[in-house]
Amino acid sequence: MIIDHLFILGDFFDFWFSRQGRIYPGFRPIVDRLIHLKKDGVTMHFCEGNHDFLMKPYFSRILGMNVYEDWAALSLGGRRTLIGHGDLVDQTNRRYLFLRKILRSRPFFFLQKMLPLSVLWALARKSSLASQELMGGAQDVIMARMVAFAEDSFQEGYDAVILGHCHKPQLQEFVAAGDTKTLITLGDWIADYTYLLYDDCGFHLLCYHEGEKGIKLDTA
């Protein structure tokens, strides 16, 4: 399969940071693969998640890839599309939003640059677990909030909303103002191996299997 653009919608890394081009050693193989894809002509896009943020210094400034801290609003085949990780959908979760603001603040950015790498990696694990706990909730509850968010976005003129974060893969269509609108939640790559393909025929929520081109999910 030949693609022009690859979007990664957050929580791709458990915790991300870099220092003068130096990254966590365990991330090196996947980062090298992404660099290889870019050299092959694939335009890379990252939407930061609740587990990986502060990505611009490395992925944007060093590697020349696109990084979106909150949302990416763009046109896909003439359809106005909103893309993001999805951790900002629930604006009532004040504790998480407060933690998110701190971890993405300039003081925290400069603080982590002064810490020894061993200390920073240890803190990374703790902040990742804290973020995970604060974002906790049943999949159905999270999905309901995403549906409500998407419906509001459709009223604002968006034709499609694509989100990560929820571990439940779904493709839902709605009718708003006489037009068909689409909400996609990508699901879980670890358990479901799901991904989204957009081509001239529209959106396809697929399941990857080694040696196969992809199997379309039954999302009814």
C-alpha atoms as a PDB file:
ATOM      1  CA  MET A   1       0.000   0.000   0.000  1.00  0.00           C
ATOM      2  CA  ILE A   2       1.344   3.436  -0.975  1.00  0.00           C
ATOM      3  CA  ILE A   3       0.300   6.349   1.236  1.00  0.00           C
ATOM      4  CA  ASP A   4       0.916  10.082   1.009  1.00  0.00           C
ATOM      5  CA  HIS A   5       0.220  11.068   4.615  1.00  0.00           C
ATOM      6  CA  LEU A   6       0.479   9.204   7.917  1.00  0.00           C
ATOM      7  CA  PHE A   7      -1.354  10.544  10.977  1.00  0.00           C
ATOM      8  CA  ILE A   8      -0.474   9.248  14.447  1.00  0.00           C
ATOM      9  CA  LEU A   9      -3.096  10.306  16.975  1.00  0.00           C
ATOM     10  CA  GLY A  10      -1.226  10.234  20.250  1.00  0.00           C
ATOM     11  CA  ASP A  11      -0.181   7.754  22.949  1.00  0.00           C
ATOM     12  CA  PHE A  12       2.215   6.298  20.404  1.00  0.00           C
ATOM     13  CA  PHE A  13       4.943   6.595  23.046  1.00  0.00           C
ATOM     14  CA  ASP A  14       4.287   5.996  26.733  1.00  0.00           C
ATOM     15  CA  PHE A  15       6.149   9.212  27.499  1.00  0.00           C
ATOM     16  CA  TRP A  16       8.129  11.381  25.125  1.00  0.00           C
ATOM     17  CA  PHE A  17      10.989  13.792  25.579  1.00  0.00           C
ATOM     18  CA  SER A  18      14.260  14.517  23.859  1.00  0.00           C
ATOM     19  CA  ARG A  19      17.406  16.437  24.703  1.00  0.00           C
ATOM     20  CA  GLN A  20      19.695  17.775  21.987  1.00  0.00           C
ATOM     21  CA  GLY A  21      18.470  15.045  19.673  1.00  0.00           C
ATOM     22  CA  ARG A  22      18.918  12.305  22.271  1.00  0.00           C
ATOM     23  CA  ILE A  23      15.841  10.147  22.896  1.00  0.00           C
ATOM     24  CA  TYR A  24      14.889   7.205  25.092  1.00  0.00           C
ATOM     25  CA  PRO A  25      16.839   4.216  23.654  1.00  0.00           C
ATOM     26  CA  GLY A  26      13.795   1.974  23.472  1.00  0.00           C
ATOM     27  CA  PHE A  27      12.139   4.412  21.045  1.00  0.00           C
ATOM     28  CA  ARG A  28      15.032   4.398  18.585  1.00  0.00           C
ATOM     29  CA  PRO A  29      13.855   1.558  16.282  1.00  0.00           C
ATOM     30  CA  ILE A  30      10.370   2.997  15.716  1.00  0.00           C
ATOM     31  CA  VAL A  31      11.699   6.544  15.291  1.00  0.00           C
ATOM     32  CA  ASP A  32      14.192   5.298  12.695  1.00  0.00           C
ATOM     33  CA  ARG A  33      11.319   3.619  10.854  1.00  0.00           C
ATOM     34  CA  LEU A  34       9.333   6.861  10.830  1.00  0.00           C
ATOM     35  CA  ILE A  35      12.370   8.715   9.467  1.00  0.00           C
ATOM     36  CA  HIS A  36      12.637   6.067   6.750  1.00  0.00           C
ATOM     37  CA  LEU A  37       8.984   6.589   5.791  1.00  0.00           C
ATOM     38  CA  LYS A  38       9.543  10.335   5.594  1.00  0.00           C
ATOM     39  CA  LYS A  39      12.533   9.825   3.300  1.00  0.00           C
ATOM     40  CA  ASP A  40      10.273   7.674   1.111  1.00  0.00           C
ATOM     41  CA  GLY A  41       7.968  10.648   0.641  1.00  0.00           C
ATOM     42  CA  VAL A  42       5.348  10.083   3.330  1.00  0.00           C
ATOM     43  CA  THR A  43       4.269  13.293   5.096  1.00  0.00           C
ATOM     44  CA  MET A  44       4.221  12.601   8.830  1.00  0.00           C
ATOM     45  CA  HIS A  45       1.683  14.100  11.247  1.00  0.00           C
ATOM     46  CA  PHE A  46       1.566  13.704  15.050  1.00  0.00           C
ATOM     47  CA  CYS A  47      -1.305  14.681  17.331  1.00  0.00           C
ATOM     48  CA  GLU A  48      -0.013  14.757  20.878  1.00  0.00           C
ATOM     49  CA  GLY A  49      -1.766  12.500  23.389  1.00  0.00           C
ATOM     50  CA  ASN A  50      -2.047  12.365  27.156  1.00  0.00           C
ATOM     51  CA  HIS A  51       1.030  10.093  27.279  1.00  0.00           C
ATOM     52  CA  ASP A  52       3.224  11.804  24.670  1.00  0.00           C
ATOM     53  CA  PHE A  53       3.685  15.556  24.398  1.00  0.00           C
ATOM     54  CA  LEU A  54       6.455  18.161  24.092  1.00  0.00           C
ATOM     55  CA  MET A  55       7.162  16.515  20.739  1.00  0.00           C
ATOM     56  CA  LYS A  56       7.787  19.602  18.639  1.00  0.00           C
ATOM     57  CA  PRO A  57      11.467  20.158  19.559  1.00  0.00           C
ATOM     58  CA  TYR A  58      12.416  16.783  18.101  1.00  0.00           C
ATOM     59  CA  PHE A  59       9.809  15.742  15.534  1.00  0.00           C
ATOM     60  CA  SER A  60       9.081  19.181  14.113  1.00  0.00           C
ATOM     61  CA  ARG A  61      12.311  21.162  14.491  1.00  0.00           C
ATOM     62  CA  ILE A  62      14.819  18.336  14.008  1.00  0.00           C
ATOM     63  CA  LEU A  63      12.954  15.872  11.779  1.00  0.00           C
ATOM     64  CA  GLY A  64      10.674  18.327   9.947  1.00  0.00           C
ATOM     65  CA  MET A  65       7.438  16.473  10.728  1.00  0.00           C
ATOM     66  CA  ASN A  66       4.088  18.057  11.583  1.00  0.00           C
ATOM     67  CA  VAL A  67       3.085  18.130  15.264  1.00  0.00           C
ATOM     68  CA  TYR A  68      -0.322  19.263  16.565  1.00  0.00           C
ATOM     69  CA  GLU A  69      -0.535  19.973  20.286  1.00  0.00           C
ATOM     70  CA  ASP A  70      -4.334  20.020  20.446  1.00  0.00           C
ATOM     71  CA  TRP A  71      -6.229  19.681  17.150  1.00  0.00           C
ATOM     72  CA  ALA A  72      -5.578  19.452  13.433  1.00  0.00           C
ATOM     73  CA  ALA A  73      -8.306  20.970  11.261  1.00  0.00           C
ATOM     74  CA  LEU A  74      -7.897  20.194   7.576  1.00  0.00           C
ATOM     75  CA  SER A  75      -9.713  19.230   4.401  1.00  0.00           C
ATOM     76  CA  LEU A  76      -9.890  15.613   3.223  1.00  0.00           C
ATOM     77  CA  GLY A  77     -11.341  15.385  -0.252  1.00  0.00           C
ATOM     78  CA  GLY A  78     -13.253  18.589   0.342  1.00  0.00           C
ATOM     79  CA  ARG A  79     -14.585  17.397   3.700  1.00  0.00           C
ATOM     80  CA  ARG A  80     -13.802  19.649   6.646  1.00  0.00           C
ATOM     81  CA  THR A  81     -12.178  17.282   9.145  1.00  0.00           C
ATOM     82  CA  LEU A  82     -11.184  17.648  12.797  1.00  0.00           C
ATOM     83  CA  ILE A  83      -8.433  15.307  14.012  1.00  0.00           C
ATOM     84  CA  GLY A  84      -7.053  14.917  17.519  1.00  0.00           C
ATOM     85  CA  HIS A  85      -6.094  12.483  20.234  1.00  0.00           C
ATOM     86  CA  GLY A  86      -9.358  13.006  22.103  1.00  0.00           C
ATOM     87  CA  ASP A  87      -8.176  13.745  25.634  1.00  0.00           C
ATOM     88  CA  LEU A  88      -9.654  17.250  25.365  1.00  0.00           C
ATOM     89  CA  VAL A  89     -13.153  16.009  24.564  1.00  0.00           C
ATOM     90  CA  ASP A  90     -14.223  15.871  28.216  1.00  0.00           C
ATOM     91  CA  GLN A  91     -13.891  19.429  29.500  1.00  0.00           C
ATOM     92  CA  THR A  92     -15.505  18.468  32.832  1.00  0.00           C
ATOM     93  CA  ASN A  93     -12.438  16.469  33.949  1.00  0.00           C
ATOM     94  CA  ARG A  94     -10.820  19.383  35.750  1.00  0.00           C
ATOM     95  CA  ARG A  95      -8.126  17.326  37.483  1.00  0.00           C
ATOM     96  CA  TYR A  96      -6.813  15.911  34.228  1.00  0.00           C
ATOM     97  CA  LEU A  97      -6.986  19.263  32.431  1.00  0.00           C
ATOM     98  CA  PHE A  98      -4.978  20.827  35.285  1.00  0.00           C
ATOM     99  CA  LEU A  99      -2.324  18.078  35.098  1.00  0.00           C
ATOM    100  CA  ARG A 100      -2.228  18.423  31.312  1.00  0.00           C
ATOM    101  CA  LYS A 101      -1.641  22.161  31.576  1.00  0.00           C
ATOM    102  CA  ILE A 102       1.230  21.687  34.040  1.00  0.00           C
ATOM    103  CA  LEU A 103       3.002  18.998  32.016  1.00  0.00           C
ATOM    104  CA  ARG A 104       2.851  21.121  28.858  1.00  0.00           C
ATOM    105  CA  SER A 105       3.870  24.384  30.527  1.00  0.00           C
ATOM    106  CA  ARG A 106       7.083  26.241  29.813  1.00  0.00           C
ATOM    107  CA  PRO A 107       8.304  25.884  33.434  1.00  0.00           C
ATOM    108  CA  PHE A 108       7.956  22.087  33.208  1.00  0.00           C
ATOM    109  CA  PHE A 109       9.677  22.119  29.806  1.00  0.00           C
ATOM    110  CA  PHE A 110      12.722  23.897  31.225  1.00  0.00           C
ATOM    111  CA  LEU A 111      12.647  21.847  34.444  1.00  0.00           C
ATOM    112  CA  GLN A 112      12.841  18.533  32.602  1.00  0.00           C
ATOM    113  CA  LYS A 113      15.814  19.822  30.613  1.00  0.00           C
ATOM    114  CA  MET A 114      17.763  20.309  33.855  1.00  0.00           C
ATOM    115  CA  LEU A 115      17.044  16.893  35.373  1.00  0.00           C
ATOM    116  CA  PRO A 116      19.385  13.924  34.913  1.00  0.00           C
ATOM    117  CA  LEU A 117      18.053  11.524  32.317  1.00  0.00           C
ATOM    118  CA  SER A 118      17.702   8.695  34.840  1.00  0.00           C
ATOM    119  CA  VAL A 119      15.508  10.879  37.076  1.00  0.00           C
ATOM    120  CA  LEU A 120      13.497  12.129  34.147  1.00  0.00           C
ATOM    121  CA  TRP A 121      12.775   8.616  32.907  1.00  0.00           C
ATOM    122  CA  ALA A 122      11.589   7.618  36.396  1.00  0.00           C
ATOM    123  CA  LEU A 123       9.328  10.679  36.616  1.00  0.00           C
ATOM    124  CA  ALA A 124       8.041   9.924  33.151  1.00  0.00           C
ATOM    125  CA  ARG A 125       6.668   6.581  34.316  1.00  0.00           C
ATOM    126  CA  LYS A 126       4.975   8.155  37.330  1.00  0.00           C
ATOM    127  CA  SER A 127       3.368  10.973  35.328  1.00  0.00           C
ATOM    128  CA  SER A 128       2.201   8.474  32.718  1.00  0.00           C
ATOM    129  CA  LEU A 129       0.466   6.378  35.377  1.00  0.00           C
ATOM    130  CA  ALA A 130      -1.072   9.501  36.944  1.00  0.00           C
ATOM    131  CA  SER A 131      -2.391  10.630  33.573  1.00  0.00           C
ATOM    132  CA  GLN A 132      -3.816   7.185  32.908  1.00  0.00           C
ATOM    133  CA  GLU A 133      -5.627   7.140  36.261  1.00  0.00           C
ATOM    134  CA  LEU A 134      -7.106  10.606  35.784  1.00  0.00           C
ATOM    135  CA  MET A 135      -8.299   9.712  32.282  1.00  0.00           C
ATOM    136  CA  GLY A 136      -9.892   6.494  33.564  1.00  0.00           C
ATOM    137  CA  GLY A 137     -13.445   5.562  32.643  1.00  0.00           C
ATOM    138  CA  ALA A 138     -15.461   2.905  30.931  1.00  0.00           C
ATOM    139  CA  GLN A 139     -15.152   2.782  27.164  1.00  0.00           C
ATOM    140  CA  ASP A 140     -18.887   3.305  26.731  1.00  0.00           C
ATOM    141  CA  VAL A 141     -18.758   6.444  28.873  1.00  0.00           C
ATOM    142  CA  ILE A 142     -15.812   7.856  26.932  1.00  0.00           C
ATOM    143  CA  MET A 143     -17.496   6.953  23.641  1.00  0.00           C
ATOM    144  CA  ALA A 144     -20.707   8.744  24.673  1.00  0.00           C
ATOM    145  CA  ARG A 145     -18.704  11.902  25.368  1.00  0.00           C
ATOM    146  CA  MET A 146     -16.968  11.607  22.018  1.00  0.00           C
ATOM    147  CA  VAL A 147     -20.309  11.252  20.238  1.00  0.00           C
ATOM    148  CA  ALA A 148     -21.598  14.386  21.968  1.00  0.00           C
ATOM    149  CA  PHE A 149     -18.395  16.241  21.058  1.00  0.00           C
ATOM    150  CA  ALA A 150     -18.667  15.122  17.442  1.00  0.00           C
ATOM    151  CA  GLU A 151     -22.294  16.244  17.195  1.00  0.00           C
ATOM    152  CA  ASP A 152     -21.286  19.688  18.473  1.00  0.00           C
ATOM    153  CA  SER A 153     -18.444  19.767  15.944  1.00  0.00           C
ATOM    154  CA  PHE A 154     -20.850  18.873  13.135  1.00  0.00           C
ATOM    155  CA  GLN A 155     -22.985  21.845  14.129  1.00  0.00           C
ATOM    156  CA  GLU A 156     -19.860  23.997  13.811  1.00  0.00           C
ATOM    157  CA  GLY A 157     -19.426  22.914  10.203  1.00  0.00           C
ATOM    158  CA  TYR A 158     -17.119  19.888  10.405  1.00  0.00           C
ATOM    159  CA  ASP A 159     -17.943  16.930   8.191  1.00  0.00           C
ATOM    160  CA  ALA A 160     -15.783  14.360   9.985  1.00  0.00           C
ATOM    161  CA  VAL A 161     -14.209  13.942  13.425  1.00  0.00           C
ATOM    162  CA  ILE A 162     -11.354  11.464  13.925  1.00  0.00           C
ATOM    163  CA  LEU A 163     -10.182  10.624  17.450  1.00  0.00           C
ATOM    164  CA  GLY A 164      -7.808   8.300  19.240  1.00  0.00           C
ATOM    165  CA  HIS A 165      -7.816   7.863  23.022  1.00  0.00           C
ATOM    166  CA  CYS A 166     -10.842   5.564  23.225  1.00  0.00           C
ATOM    167  CA  HIS A 167      -9.819   1.934  22.860  1.00  0.00           C
ATOM    168  CA  LYS A 168     -13.032   1.057  21.053  1.00  0.00           C
ATOM    169  CA  PRO A 169     -12.815   1.123  17.223  1.00  0.00           C
ATOM    170  CA  GLN A 170     -15.947   2.548  15.644  1.00  0.00           C
ATOM    171  CA  LEU A 171     -17.059   4.312  12.488  1.00  0.00           C
ATOM    172  CA  GLN A 172     -20.408   6.042  12.902  1.00  0.00           C
ATOM    173  CA  GLU A 173     -22.351   8.155  10.454  1.00  0.00           C
ATOM    174  CA  PHE A 174     -24.779  10.909  11.361  1.00  0.00           C
ATOM    175  CA  VAL A 175     -27.074  13.226   9.428  1.00  0.00           C
ATOM    176  CA  ALA A 176     -26.783  16.905  10.312  1.00  0.00           C
ATOM    177  CA  ALA A 177     -28.318  19.748   8.323  1.00  0.00           C
ATOM    178  CA  GLY A 178     -29.141  17.256   5.576  1.00  0.00           C
ATOM    179  CA  ASP A 179     -25.532  16.106   5.143  1.00  0.00           C
ATOM    180  CA  THR A 180     -23.839  12.865   6.155  1.00  0.00           C
ATOM    181  CA  LYS A 181     -21.235  13.340   8.892  1.00  0.00           C
ATOM    182  CA  THR A 182     -18.690  10.818  10.155  1.00  0.00           C
ATOM    183  CA  LEU A 183     -17.167  10.045  13.567  1.00  0.00           C
ATOM    184  CA  ILE A 184     -14.255   7.607  13.756  1.00  0.00           C
ATOM    185  CA  THR A 185     -12.506   6.374  16.896  1.00  0.00           C
ATOM    186  CA  LEU A 186      -9.396   4.445  15.962  1.00  0.00           C
ATOM    187  CA  GLY A 187      -9.371   1.841  18.716  1.00  0.00           C
ATOM    188  CA  ASP A 188      -6.376   0.044  20.154  1.00  0.00           C
ATOM    189  CA  TRP A 189      -3.353  -0.911  18.063  1.00  0.00           C
ATOM    190  CA  ILE A 190      -2.093  -3.296  20.732  1.00  0.00           C
ATOM    191  CA  ALA A 191      -5.270  -5.366  21.091  1.00  0.00           C
ATOM    192  CA  ASP A 192      -7.235  -4.693  17.893  1.00  0.00           C
ATOM    193  CA  TYR A 193      -4.570  -3.655  15.335  1.00  0.00           C
ATOM    194  CA  THR A 194      -7.040  -1.172  13.892  1.00  0.00           C
ATOM    195  CA  TYR A 195      -6.214   1.749  11.664  1.00  0.00           C
ATOM    196  CA  LEU A 196      -8.049   4.189   9.422  1.00  0.00           C
ATOM    197  CA  LEU A 197      -7.523   4.490   5.688  1.00  0.00           C
ATOM    198  CA  TYR A 198      -8.852   7.406   3.662  1.00  0.00           C
ATOM    199  CA  ASP A 199      -8.883   7.168  -0.131  1.00  0.00           C
ATOM    200  CA  ASP A 200     -11.024   8.350  -3.058  1.00  0.00           C
ATOM    201  CA  CYS A 201     -13.849   6.102  -1.841  1.00  0.00           C
ATOM    202  CA  GLY A 202     -13.924   7.582   1.663  1.00  0.00           C
ATOM    203  CA  PHE A 203     -13.046   6.266   5.133  1.00  0.00           C
ATOM    204  CA  HIS A 204     -12.237   2.611   5.820  1.00  0.00           C
ATOM    205  CA  LEU A 205     -11.694   1.329   9.344  1.00  0.00           C
ATOM    206  CA  LEU A 206      -9.414  -1.677   8.921  1.00  0.00           C
ATOM    207  CA  CYS A 207      -7.719  -4.352  10.982  1.00  0.00           C
ATOM    208  CA  TYR A 208      -4.096  -5.113  10.185  1.00  0.00           C
ATOM    209  CA  HIS A 209      -2.777  -8.652   9.971  1.00  0.00           C
ATOM    210  CA  GLU A 210       0.755  -9.637   9.026  1.00  0.00           C
ATOM    211  CA  GLY A 211       0.966 -10.445   5.332  1.00  0.00           C
ATOM    212  CA  GLU A 212      -2.496  -9.101   4.546  1.00  0.00           C
ATOM    213  CA  LYS A 213      -3.584  -5.775   3.103  1.00  0.00           C
ATOM    214  CA  GLY A 214      -6.190  -5.210   5.783  1.00  0.00           C
ATOM    215  CA  ILE A 215      -9.552  -6.554   6.791  1.00  0.00           C
ATOM    216  CA  LYS A 216     -12.553  -4.279   7.075  1.00  0.00           C
ATOM    217  CA  LEU A 217     -14.135  -4.310  10.512  1.00  0.00           C
ATOM    218  CA  ASP A 218     -17.804  -4.938  11.157  1.00  0.00           C
ATOM    219  CA  THR A 219     -18.554  -1.749  13.046  1.00  0.00           C
ATOM    220  CA  ALA A 220     -22.324  -2.058  13.150  1.00  0.00           C
END
